[in-house]
Amino acid sequence: IAEALGTTEKAARARLRHYEHLTW
């Protein structure tokens, strides 16, 4: 996932967590 996003694993995990818990 990190490679596909063009980022580090740490940043990819953070992005996944951010969006998994995002509410509008």
mmCIF file of all heavy atoms, coordinates in Angstrom:
data_MODEL
# 
_entry.id   MODEL 
# 
loop_
_atom_site.group_PDB 
_atom_site.id 
_atom_site.type_symbol 
_atom_site.label_atom_id 
_atom_site.label_alt_id 
_atom_site.label_comp_id 
_atom_site.label_asym_id 
_atom_site.label_entity_id 
_atom_site.label_seq_id 
_atom_site.pdbx_PDB_ins_code 
_atom_site.Cartn_x 
_atom_site.Cartn_y 
_atom_site.Cartn_z 
_atom_site.occupancy 
_atom_site.B_iso_or_equiv 
_atom_site.pdbx_formal_charge 
_atom_site.auth_seq_id 
_atom_site.auth_comp_id 
_atom_site.auth_asym_id 
_atom_site.auth_atom_id 
_atom_site.pdbx_PDB_model_num 
ATOM 1   N N   . ILE A 1 1  ? 0.847   -1.196 0.000  1.00 0.00 ? 1  ILE A N   1 
ATOM 2   C CA  . ILE A 1 1  ? 0.000   0.000  0.000  1.00 0.00 ? 1  ILE A CA  1 
ATOM 3   C C   . ILE A 1 1  ? 0.881   1.243  0.000  1.00 0.00 ? 1  ILE A C   1 
ATOM 4   O O   . ILE A 1 1  ? 0.634   2.194  -0.742 1.00 0.00 ? 1  ILE A O   1 
ATOM 5   C CB  . ILE A 1 1  ? -0.968  -0.008 1.204  1.00 0.00 ? 1  ILE A CB  1 
ATOM 6   C CG1 . ILE A 1 1  ? -1.974  -1.152 1.063  1.00 0.00 ? 1  ILE A CG1 1 
ATOM 7   C CG2 . ILE A 1 1  ? -1.689  1.327  1.331  1.00 0.00 ? 1  ILE A CG2 1 
ATOM 8   C CD1 . ILE A 1 1  ? -2.803  -1.401 2.298  1.00 0.00 ? 1  ILE A CD1 1 
ATOM 9   N N   . ALA A 1 2  ? 1.932   1.228  0.826  1.00 0.00 ? 2  ALA A N   1 
ATOM 10  C CA  . ALA A 1 2  ? 2.847   2.368  0.892  1.00 0.00 ? 2  ALA A CA  1 
ATOM 11  C C   . ALA A 1 2  ? 3.497   2.621  -0.468 1.00 0.00 ? 2  ALA A C   1 
ATOM 12  O O   . ALA A 1 2  ? 3.574   3.764  -0.921 1.00 0.00 ? 2  ALA A O   1 
ATOM 13  C CB  . ALA A 1 2  ? 3.921   2.124  1.951  1.00 0.00 ? 2  ALA A CB  1 
ATOM 14  N N   . GLU A 1 3  ? 3.924   1.559  -1.116 1.00 0.00 ? 3  GLU A N   1 
ATOM 15  C CA  . GLU A 1 3  ? 4.551   1.715  -2.437 1.00 0.00 ? 3  GLU A CA  1 
ATOM 16  C C   . GLU A 1 3  ? 3.548   2.285  -3.436 1.00 0.00 ? 3  GLU A C   1 
ATOM 17  O O   . GLU A 1 3  ? 3.866   3.183  -4.207 1.00 0.00 ? 3  GLU A O   1 
ATOM 18  C CB  . GLU A 1 3  ? 5.095   0.386  -2.938 1.00 0.00 ? 3  GLU A CB  1 
ATOM 19  C CG  . GLU A 1 3  ? 5.821   0.511  -4.262 1.00 0.00 ? 3  GLU A CG  1 
ATOM 20  C CD  . GLU A 1 3  ? 6.527   -0.756 -4.670 1.00 0.00 ? 3  GLU A CD  1 
ATOM 21  O OE1 . GLU A 1 3  ? 7.342   -1.274 -3.902 1.00 0.00 ? 3  GLU A OE1 1 
ATOM 22  O OE2 . GLU A 1 3  ? 6.243   -1.228 -5.794 1.00 0.00 ? 3  GLU A OE2 1 
ATOM 23  N N   . ALA A 1 4  ? 2.328   1.785  -3.393 1.00 0.00 ? 4  ALA A N   1 
ATOM 24  C CA  . ALA A 1 4  ? 1.301   2.274  -4.322 1.00 0.00 ? 4  ALA A CA  1 
ATOM 25  C C   . ALA A 1 4  ? 0.957   3.740  -4.065 1.00 0.00 ? 4  ALA A C   1 
ATOM 26  O O   . ALA A 1 4  ? 0.643   4.476  -4.992 1.00 0.00 ? 4  ALA A O   1 
ATOM 27  C CB  . ALA A 1 4  ? 0.049   1.413  -4.212 1.00 0.00 ? 4  ALA A CB  1 
ATOM 28  N N   . LEU A 1 5  ? 1.039   4.165  -2.803 1.00 0.00 ? 5  LEU A N   1 
ATOM 29  C CA  . LEU A 1 5  ? 0.765   5.553  -2.465 1.00 0.00 ? 5  LEU A CA  1 
ATOM 30  C C   . LEU A 1 5  ? 1.988   6.445  -2.673 1.00 0.00 ? 5  LEU A C   1 
ATOM 31  O O   . LEU A 1 5  ? 1.882   7.669  -2.611 1.00 0.00 ? 5  LEU A O   1 
ATOM 32  C CB  . LEU A 1 5  ? 0.299   5.674  -1.009 1.00 0.00 ? 5  LEU A CB  1 
ATOM 33  C CG  . LEU A 1 5  ? -1.060  5.058  -0.680 1.00 0.00 ? 5  LEU A CG  1 
ATOM 34  C CD1 . LEU A 1 5  ? -1.318  5.117  0.816  1.00 0.00 ? 5  LEU A CD1 1 
ATOM 35  C CD2 . LEU A 1 5  ? -2.165  5.751  -1.448 1.00 0.00 ? 5  LEU A CD2 1 
ATOM 36  N N   . GLY A 1 6  ? 3.147   5.827  -2.866 1.00 0.00 ? 6  GLY A N   1 
ATOM 37  C CA  . GLY A 1 6  ? 4.371   6.608  -3.044 1.00 0.00 ? 6  GLY A CA  1 
ATOM 38  C C   . GLY A 1 6  ? 4.853   7.219  -1.749 1.00 0.00 ? 6  GLY A C   1 
ATOM 39  O O   . GLY A 1 6  ? 5.346   8.338  -1.711 1.00 0.00 ? 6  GLY A O   1 
ATOM 40  N N   . THR A 1 7  ? 4.707   6.452  -0.640 1.00 0.00 ? 7  THR A N   1 
ATOM 41  C CA  . THR A 1 7  ? 5.065   6.976  0.669  1.00 0.00 ? 7  THR A CA  1 
ATOM 42  C C   . THR A 1 7  ? 5.700   5.878  1.517  1.00 0.00 ? 7  THR A C   1 
ATOM 43  O O   . THR A 1 7  ? 5.897   4.763  1.060  1.00 0.00 ? 7  THR A O   1 
ATOM 44  C CB  . THR A 1 7  ? 3.815   7.581  1.352  1.00 0.00 ? 7  THR A CB  1 
ATOM 45  O OG1 . THR A 1 7  ? 4.218   8.299  2.506  1.00 0.00 ? 7  THR A OG1 1 
ATOM 46  C CG2 . THR A 1 7  ? 2.799   6.520  1.722  1.00 0.00 ? 7  THR A CG2 1 
ATOM 47  N N   . THR A 1 8  ? 5.992   6.172  2.751  1.00 0.00 ? 8  THR A N   1 
ATOM 48  C CA  . THR A 1 8  ? 6.575   5.189  3.666  1.00 0.00 ? 8  THR A CA  1 
ATOM 49  C C   . THR A 1 8  ? 5.462   4.337  4.282  1.00 0.00 ? 8  THR A C   1 
ATOM 50  O O   . THR A 1 8  ? 4.286   4.719  4.256  1.00 0.00 ? 8  THR A O   1 
ATOM 51  C CB  . THR A 1 8  ? 7.339   5.882  4.803  1.00 0.00 ? 8  THR A CB  1 
ATOM 52  O OG1 . THR A 1 8  ? 6.413   6.646  5.586  1.00 0.00 ? 8  THR A OG1 1 
ATOM 53  C CG2 . THR A 1 8  ? 8.442   6.780  4.265  1.00 0.00 ? 8  THR A CG2 1 
ATOM 54  N N   . GLU A 1 9  ? 5.855   3.191  4.852  1.00 0.00 ? 9  GLU A N   1 
ATOM 55  C CA  . GLU A 1 9  ? 4.858   2.345  5.530  1.00 0.00 ? 9  GLU A CA  1 
ATOM 56  C C   . GLU A 1 9  ? 4.224   3.082  6.699  1.00 0.00 ? 9  GLU A C   1 
ATOM 57  O O   . GLU A 1 9  ? 3.015   3.007  6.912  1.00 0.00 ? 9  GLU A O   1 
ATOM 58  C CB  . GLU A 1 9  ? 5.499   1.043  6.010  1.00 0.00 ? 9  GLU A CB  1 
ATOM 59  C CG  . GLU A 1 9  ? 5.774   0.062  4.895  1.00 0.00 ? 9  GLU A CG  1 
ATOM 60  C CD  . GLU A 1 9  ? 6.249   -1.274 5.419  1.00 0.00 ? 9  GLU A CD  1 
ATOM 61  O OE1 . GLU A 1 9  ? 5.567   -1.849 6.297  1.00 0.00 ? 9  GLU A OE1 1 
ATOM 62  O OE2 . GLU A 1 9  ? 7.301   -1.733 4.953  1.00 0.00 ? 9  GLU A OE2 1 
ATOM 63  N N   . LYS A 1 10 ? 5.031   3.811  7.445  1.00 0.00 ? 10 LYS A N   1 
ATOM 64  C CA  . LYS A 1 10 ? 4.521   4.562  8.591  1.00 0.00 ? 10 LYS A CA  1 
ATOM 65  C C   . LYS A 1 10 ? 3.478   5.590  8.136  1.00 0.00 ? 10 LYS A C   1 
ATOM 66  O O   . LYS A 1 10 ? 2.414   5.706  8.723  1.00 0.00 ? 10 LYS A O   1 
ATOM 67  C CB  . LYS A 1 10 ? 5.672   5.253  9.316  1.00 0.00 ? 10 LYS A CB  1 
ATOM 68  C CG  . LYS A 1 10 ? 5.256   6.029  10.533 1.00 0.00 ? 10 LYS A CG  1 
ATOM 69  C CD  . LYS A 1 10 ? 6.458   6.664  11.213 1.00 0.00 ? 10 LYS A CD  1 
ATOM 70  C CE  . LYS A 1 10 ? 6.031   7.497  12.402 1.00 0.00 ? 10 LYS A CE  1 
ATOM 71  N NZ  . LYS A 1 10 ? 7.165   8.139  13.061 1.00 0.00 ? 10 LYS A NZ  1 
ATOM 72  N N   . ALA A 1 11 ? 3.801   6.319  7.067  1.00 0.00 ? 11 ALA A N   1 
ATOM 73  C CA  . ALA A 1 11 ? 2.863   7.321  6.548  1.00 0.00 ? 11 ALA A CA  1 
ATOM 74  C C   . ALA A 1 11 ? 1.610   6.656  5.980  1.00 0.00 ? 11 ALA A C   1 
ATOM 75  O O   . ALA A 1 11 ? 0.501   7.173  6.136  1.00 0.00 ? 11 ALA A O   1 
ATOM 76  C CB  . ALA A 1 11 ? 3.543   8.179  5.491  1.00 0.00 ? 11 ALA A CB  1 
ATOM 77  N N   . ALA A 1 12 ? 1.763   5.506  5.338  1.00 0.00 ? 12 ALA A N   1 
ATOM 78  C CA  . ALA A 1 12 ? 0.603   4.792  4.786  1.00 0.00 ? 12 ALA A CA  1 
ATOM 79  C C   . ALA A 1 12 ? -0.315  4.320  5.910  1.00 0.00 ? 12 ALA A C   1 
ATOM 80  O O   . ALA A 1 12 ? -1.537  4.463  5.816  1.00 0.00 ? 12 ALA A O   1 
ATOM 81  C CB  . ALA A 1 12 ? 1.061   3.601  3.941  1.00 0.00 ? 12 ALA A CB  1 
ATOM 82  N N   . ARG A 1 13 ? 0.270   3.763  6.976  1.00 0.00 ? 13 ARG A N   1 
ATOM 83  C CA  . ARG A 1 13 ? -0.553  3.340  8.121  1.00 0.00 ? 13 ARG A CA  1 
ATOM 84  C C   . ARG A 1 13 ? -1.294  4.527  8.727  1.00 0.00 ? 13 ARG A C   1 
ATOM 85  O O   . ARG A 1 13 ? -2.480  4.434  9.063  1.00 0.00 ? 13 ARG A O   1 
ATOM 86  C CB  . ARG A 1 13 ? 0.316   2.656  9.178  1.00 0.00 ? 13 ARG A CB  1 
ATOM 87  C CG  . ARG A 1 13 ? 0.636   1.212  8.869  1.00 0.00 ? 13 ARG A CG  1 
ATOM 88  C CD  . ARG A 1 13 ? 1.245   0.489  10.074 1.00 0.00 ? 13 ARG A CD  1 
ATOM 89  N NE  . ARG A 1 13 ? 2.490   1.082  10.515 1.00 0.00 ? 13 ARG A NE  1 
ATOM 90  C CZ  . ARG A 1 13 ? 3.691   0.810  9.994  1.00 0.00 ? 13 ARG A CZ  1 
ATOM 91  N NH1 . ARG A 1 13 ? 3.787   -0.062 9.013  1.00 0.00 ? 13 ARG A NH1 1 
ATOM 92  N NH2 . ARG A 1 13 ? 4.777   1.393  10.452 1.00 0.00 ? 13 ARG A NH2 1 
ATOM 93  N N   . ALA A 1 14 ? -0.591  5.658  8.844  1.00 0.00 ? 14 ALA A N   1 
ATOM 94  C CA  . ALA A 1 14 ? -1.225  6.858  9.407  1.00 0.00 ? 14 ALA A CA  1 
ATOM 95  C C   . ALA A 1 14 ? -2.370  7.332  8.515  1.00 0.00 ? 14 ALA A C   1 
ATOM 96  O O   . ALA A 1 14 ? -3.428  7.724  9.010  1.00 0.00 ? 14 ALA A O   1 
ATOM 97  C CB  . ALA A 1 14 ? -0.186  7.965  9.583  1.00 0.00 ? 14 ALA A CB  1 
ATOM 98  N N   . ARG A 1 15 ? -2.170  7.284  7.212  1.00 0.00 ? 15 ARG A N   1 
ATOM 99  C CA  . ARG A 1 15 ? -3.230  7.714  6.284  1.00 0.00 ? 15 ARG A CA  1 
ATOM 100 C C   . ARG A 1 15 ? -4.425  6.785  6.382  1.00 0.00 ? 15 ARG A C   1 
ATOM 101 O O   . ARG A 1 15 ? -5.571  7.227  6.402  1.00 0.00 ? 15 ARG A O   1 
ATOM 102 C CB  . ARG A 1 15 ? -2.710  7.756  4.849  1.00 0.00 ? 15 ARG A CB  1 
ATOM 103 C CG  . ARG A 1 15 ? -3.722  8.402  3.909  1.00 0.00 ? 15 ARG A CG  1 
ATOM 104 C CD  . ARG A 1 15 ? -3.230  8.547  2.511  1.00 0.00 ? 15 ARG A CD  1 
ATOM 105 N NE  . ARG A 1 15 ? -2.036  9.379  2.437  1.00 0.00 ? 15 ARG A NE  1 
ATOM 106 C CZ  . ARG A 1 15 ? -1.407  9.673  1.313  1.00 0.00 ? 15 ARG A CZ  1 
ATOM 107 N NH1 . ARG A 1 15 ? -1.859  9.215  0.159  1.00 0.00 ? 15 ARG A NH1 1 
ATOM 108 N NH2 . ARG A 1 15 ? -0.333  10.422 1.322  1.00 0.00 ? 15 ARG A NH2 1 
ATOM 109 N N   . LEU A 1 16 ? -4.173  5.472  6.436  1.00 0.00 ? 16 LEU A N   1 
ATOM 110 C CA  . LEU A 1 16 ? -5.268  4.506  6.579  1.00 0.00 ? 16 LEU A CA  1 
ATOM 111 C C   . LEU A 1 16 ? -6.047  4.762  7.867  1.00 0.00 ? 16 LEU A C   1 
ATOM 112 O O   . LEU A 1 16 ? -7.277  4.806  7.854  1.00 0.00 ? 16 LEU A O   1 
ATOM 113 C CB  . LEU A 1 16 ? -4.729  3.077  6.560  1.00 0.00 ? 16 LEU A CB  1 
ATOM 114 C CG  . LEU A 1 16 ? -4.282  2.553  5.201  1.00 0.00 ? 16 LEU A CG  1 
ATOM 115 C CD1 . LEU A 1 16 ? -3.517  1.240  5.368  1.00 0.00 ? 16 LEU A CD1 1 
ATOM 116 C CD2 . LEU A 1 16 ? -5.458  2.370  4.268  1.00 0.00 ? 16 LEU A CD2 1 
ATOM 117 N N   . ARG A 1 17 ? -5.333  4.929  8.985  1.00 0.00 ? 17 ARG A N   1 
ATOM 118 C CA  . ARG A 1 17 ? -6.004  5.192  10.268 1.00 0.00 ? 17 ARG A CA  1 
ATOM 119 C C   . ARG A 1 17 ? -6.813  6.485  10.199 1.00 0.00 ? 17 ARG A C   1 
ATOM 120 O O   . ARG A 1 17 ? -7.940  6.548  10.695 1.00 0.00 ? 17 ARG A O   1 
ATOM 121 C CB  . ARG A 1 17 ? -4.985  5.266  11.403 1.00 0.00 ? 17 ARG A CB  1 
ATOM 122 C CG  . ARG A 1 17 ? -4.584  3.926  11.962 1.00 0.00 ? 17 ARG A CG  1 
ATOM 123 C CD  . ARG A 1 17 ? -3.830  4.075  13.281 1.00 0.00 ? 17 ARG A CD  1 
ATOM 124 N NE  . ARG A 1 17 ? -2.707  4.997  13.202 1.00 0.00 ? 17 ARG A NE  1 
ATOM 125 C CZ  . ARG A 1 17 ? -1.473  4.679  12.804 1.00 0.00 ? 17 ARG A CZ  1 
ATOM 126 N NH1 . ARG A 1 17 ? -1.198  3.442  12.443 1.00 0.00 ? 17 ARG A NH1 1 
ATOM 127 N NH2 . ARG A 1 17 ? -0.518  5.578  12.773 1.00 0.00 ? 17 ARG A NH2 1 
ATOM 128 N N   . HIS A 1 18 ? -6.221  7.520  9.599  1.00 0.00 ? 18 HIS A N   1 
ATOM 129 C CA  . HIS A 1 18 ? -6.911  8.811  9.497  1.00 0.00 ? 18 HIS A CA  1 
ATOM 130 C C   . HIS A 1 18 ? -8.242  8.658  8.766  1.00 0.00 ? 18 HIS A C   1 
ATOM 131 O O   . HIS A 1 18 ? -9.274  9.121  9.242  1.00 0.00 ? 18 HIS A O   1 
ATOM 132 C CB  . HIS A 1 18 ? -6.014  9.816  8.763  1.00 0.00 ? 18 HIS A CB  1 
ATOM 133 C CG  . HIS A 1 18 ? -6.715  11.077 8.381  1.00 0.00 ? 18 HIS A CG  1 
ATOM 134 N ND1 . HIS A 1 18 ? -7.005  12.074 9.291  1.00 0.00 ? 18 HIS A ND1 1 
ATOM 135 C CD2 . HIS A 1 18 ? -7.200  11.503 7.187  1.00 0.00 ? 18 HIS A CD2 1 
ATOM 136 C CE1 . HIS A 1 18 ? -7.634  13.055 8.675  1.00 0.00 ? 18 HIS A CE1 1 
ATOM 137 N NE2 . HIS A 1 18 ? -7.763  12.744 7.395  1.00 0.00 ? 18 HIS A NE2 1 
ATOM 138 N N   . TYR A 1 19 ? -8.213  7.990  7.618  1.00 0.00 ? 19 TYR A N   1 
ATOM 139 C CA  . TYR A 1 19 ? -9.437  7.875  6.836  1.00 0.00 ? 19 TYR A CA  1 
ATOM 140 C C   . TYR A 1 19 ? -10.394 6.849  7.395  1.00 0.00 ? 19 TYR A C   1 
ATOM 141 O O   . TYR A 1 19 ? -11.608 7.002  7.256  1.00 0.00 ? 19 TYR A O   1 
ATOM 142 C CB  . TYR A 1 19 ? -9.109  7.583  5.371  1.00 0.00 ? 19 TYR A CB  1 
ATOM 143 C CG  . TYR A 1 19 ? -8.601  8.803  4.645  1.00 0.00 ? 19 TYR A CG  1 
ATOM 144 C CD1 . TYR A 1 19 ? -7.308  8.866  4.179  1.00 0.00 ? 19 TYR A CD1 1 
ATOM 145 C CD2 . TYR A 1 19 ? -9.421  9.921  4.476  1.00 0.00 ? 19 TYR A CD2 1 
ATOM 146 C CE1 . TYR A 1 19 ? -6.836  9.991  3.519  1.00 0.00 ? 19 TYR A CE1 1 
ATOM 147 C CE2 . TYR A 1 19 ? -8.951  11.051 3.842  1.00 0.00 ? 19 TYR A CE2 1 
ATOM 148 C CZ  . TYR A 1 19 ? -7.665  11.086 3.370  1.00 0.00 ? 19 TYR A CZ  1 
ATOM 149 O OH  . TYR A 1 19 ? -7.200  12.203 2.740  1.00 0.00 ? 19 TYR A OH  1 
ATOM 150 N N   . GLU A 1 20 ? -9.886  5.812  8.033  1.00 0.00 ? 20 GLU A N   1 
ATOM 151 C CA  . GLU A 1 20 ? -10.798 4.808  8.628  1.00 0.00 ? 20 GLU A CA  1 
ATOM 152 C C   . GLU A 1 20 ? -11.687 5.438  9.695  1.00 0.00 ? 20 GLU A C   1 
ATOM 153 O O   . GLU A 1 20 ? -12.807 5.019  9.903  1.00 0.00 ? 20 GLU A O   1 
ATOM 154 C CB  . GLU A 1 20 ? -9.981  3.668  9.261  1.00 0.00 ? 20 GLU A CB  1 
ATOM 155 C CG  . GLU A 1 20 ? -9.424  2.698  8.253  1.00 0.00 ? 20 GLU A CG  1 
ATOM 156 C CD  . GLU A 1 20 ? -8.506  1.666  8.886  1.00 0.00 ? 20 GLU A CD  1 
ATOM 157 O OE1 . GLU A 1 20 ? -8.070  1.853  10.049 1.00 0.00 ? 20 GLU A OE1 1 
ATOM 158 O OE2 . GLU A 1 20 ? -8.215  0.671  8.222  1.00 0.00 ? 20 GLU A OE2 1 
ATOM 159 N N   . HIS A 1 21 ? -11.170 6.450  10.368 1.00 0.00 ? 21 HIS A N   1 
ATOM 160 C CA  . HIS A 1 21 ? -11.900 7.042  11.499 1.00 0.00 ? 21 HIS A CA  1 
ATOM 161 C C   . HIS A 1 21 ? -12.441 8.436  11.185 1.00 0.00 ? 21 HIS A C   1 
ATOM 162 O O   . HIS A 1 21 ? -12.928 9.127  12.073 1.00 0.00 ? 21 HIS A O   1 
ATOM 163 C CB  . HIS A 1 21 ? -11.001 7.088  12.727 1.00 0.00 ? 21 HIS A CB  1 
ATOM 164 C CG  . HIS A 1 21 ? -10.477 5.736  13.101 1.00 0.00 ? 21 HIS A CG  1 
ATOM 165 N ND1 . HIS A 1 21 ? -11.299 4.735  13.592 1.00 0.00 ? 21 HIS A ND1 1 
ATOM 166 C CD2 . HIS A 1 21 ? -9.240  5.202  13.020 1.00 0.00 ? 21 HIS A CD2 1 
ATOM 167 C CE1 . HIS A 1 21 ? -10.576 3.645  13.801 1.00 0.00 ? 21 HIS A CE1 1 
ATOM 168 N NE2 . HIS A 1 21 ? -9.334  3.894  13.459 1.00 0.00 ? 21 HIS A NE2 1 
ATOM 169 N N   . LEU A 1 22 ? -12.377 8.838  9.936  1.00 0.00 ? 22 LEU A N   1 
ATOM 170 C CA  . LEU A 1 22 ? -12.868 10.147 9.540  1.00 0.00 ? 22 LEU A CA  1 
ATOM 171 C C   . LEU A 1 22 ? -14.392 10.128 9.485  1.00 0.00 ? 22 LEU A C   1 
ATOM 172 O O   . LEU A 1 22 ? -14.999 9.214  8.958  1.00 0.00 ? 22 LEU A O   1 
ATOM 173 C CB  . LEU A 1 22 ? -12.313 10.519 8.154  1.00 0.00 ? 22 LEU A CB  1 
ATOM 174 C CG  . LEU A 1 22 ? -12.593 11.915 7.644  1.00 0.00 ? 22 LEU A CG  1 
ATOM 175 C CD1 . LEU A 1 22 ? -11.862 12.947 8.516  1.00 0.00 ? 22 LEU A CD1 1 
ATOM 176 C CD2 . LEU A 1 22 ? -12.132 12.048 6.206  1.00 0.00 ? 22 LEU A CD2 1 
ATOM 177 N N   . THR A 1 23 ? -14.982 11.151 10.068 1.00 0.00 ? 23 THR A N   1 
ATOM 178 C CA  . THR A 1 23 ? -16.451 11.283 9.993  1.00 0.00 ? 23 THR A CA  1 
ATOM 179 C C   . THR A 1 23 ? -16.779 12.673 9.521  1.00 0.00 ? 23 THR A C   1 
ATOM 180 O O   . THR A 1 23 ? -16.011 13.622 9.703  1.00 0.00 ? 23 THR A O   1 
ATOM 181 C CB  . THR A 1 23 ? -17.113 11.045 11.356 1.00 0.00 ? 23 THR A CB  1 
ATOM 182 O OG1 . THR A 1 23 ? -16.584 11.988 12.298 1.00 0.00 ? 23 THR A OG1 1 
ATOM 183 C CG2 . THR A 1 23 ? -16.878 9.632  11.850 1.00 0.00 ? 23 THR A CG2 1 
ATOM 184 N N   . TRP A 1 24 ? -17.906 12.804 8.889  1.00 0.00 ? 24 TRP A N   1 
ATOM 185 C CA  . TRP A 1 24 ? -18.370 14.096 8.379  1.00 0.00 ? 24 TRP A CA  1 
ATOM 186 C C   . TRP A 1 24 ? -19.697 14.413 9.023  1.00 0.00 ? 24 TRP A C   1 
ATOM 187 O O   . TRP A 1 24 ? -20.624 13.619 8.988  1.00 0.00 ? 24 TRP A O   1 
ATOM 188 C CB  . TRP A 1 24 ? -18.500 14.035 6.858  1.00 0.00 ? 24 TRP A CB  1 
ATOM 189 C CG  . TRP A 1 24 ? -19.018 15.309 6.290  1.00 0.00 ? 24 TRP A CG  1 
ATOM 190 C CD1 . TRP A 1 24 ? -20.239 15.511 5.739  1.00 0.00 ? 24 TRP A CD1 1 
ATOM 191 C CD2 . TRP A 1 24 ? -18.345 16.553 6.205  1.00 0.00 ? 24 TRP A CD2 1 
ATOM 192 N NE1 . TRP A 1 24 ? -20.365 16.793 5.309  1.00 0.00 ? 24 TRP A NE1 1 
ATOM 193 C CE2 . TRP A 1 24 ? -19.201 17.460 5.602  1.00 0.00 ? 24 TRP A CE2 1 
ATOM 194 C CE3 . TRP A 1 24 ? -17.089 17.000 6.595  1.00 0.00 ? 24 TRP A CE3 1 
ATOM 195 C CZ2 . TRP A 1 24 ? -18.865 18.801 5.371  1.00 0.00 ? 24 TRP A CZ2 1 
ATOM 196 C CZ3 . TRP A 1 24 ? -16.754 18.323 6.361  1.00 0.00 ? 24 TRP A CZ3 1 
ATOM 197 C CH2 . TRP A 1 24 ? -17.635 19.188 5.754  1.00 0.00 ? 24 TRP A CH2 1 
# 
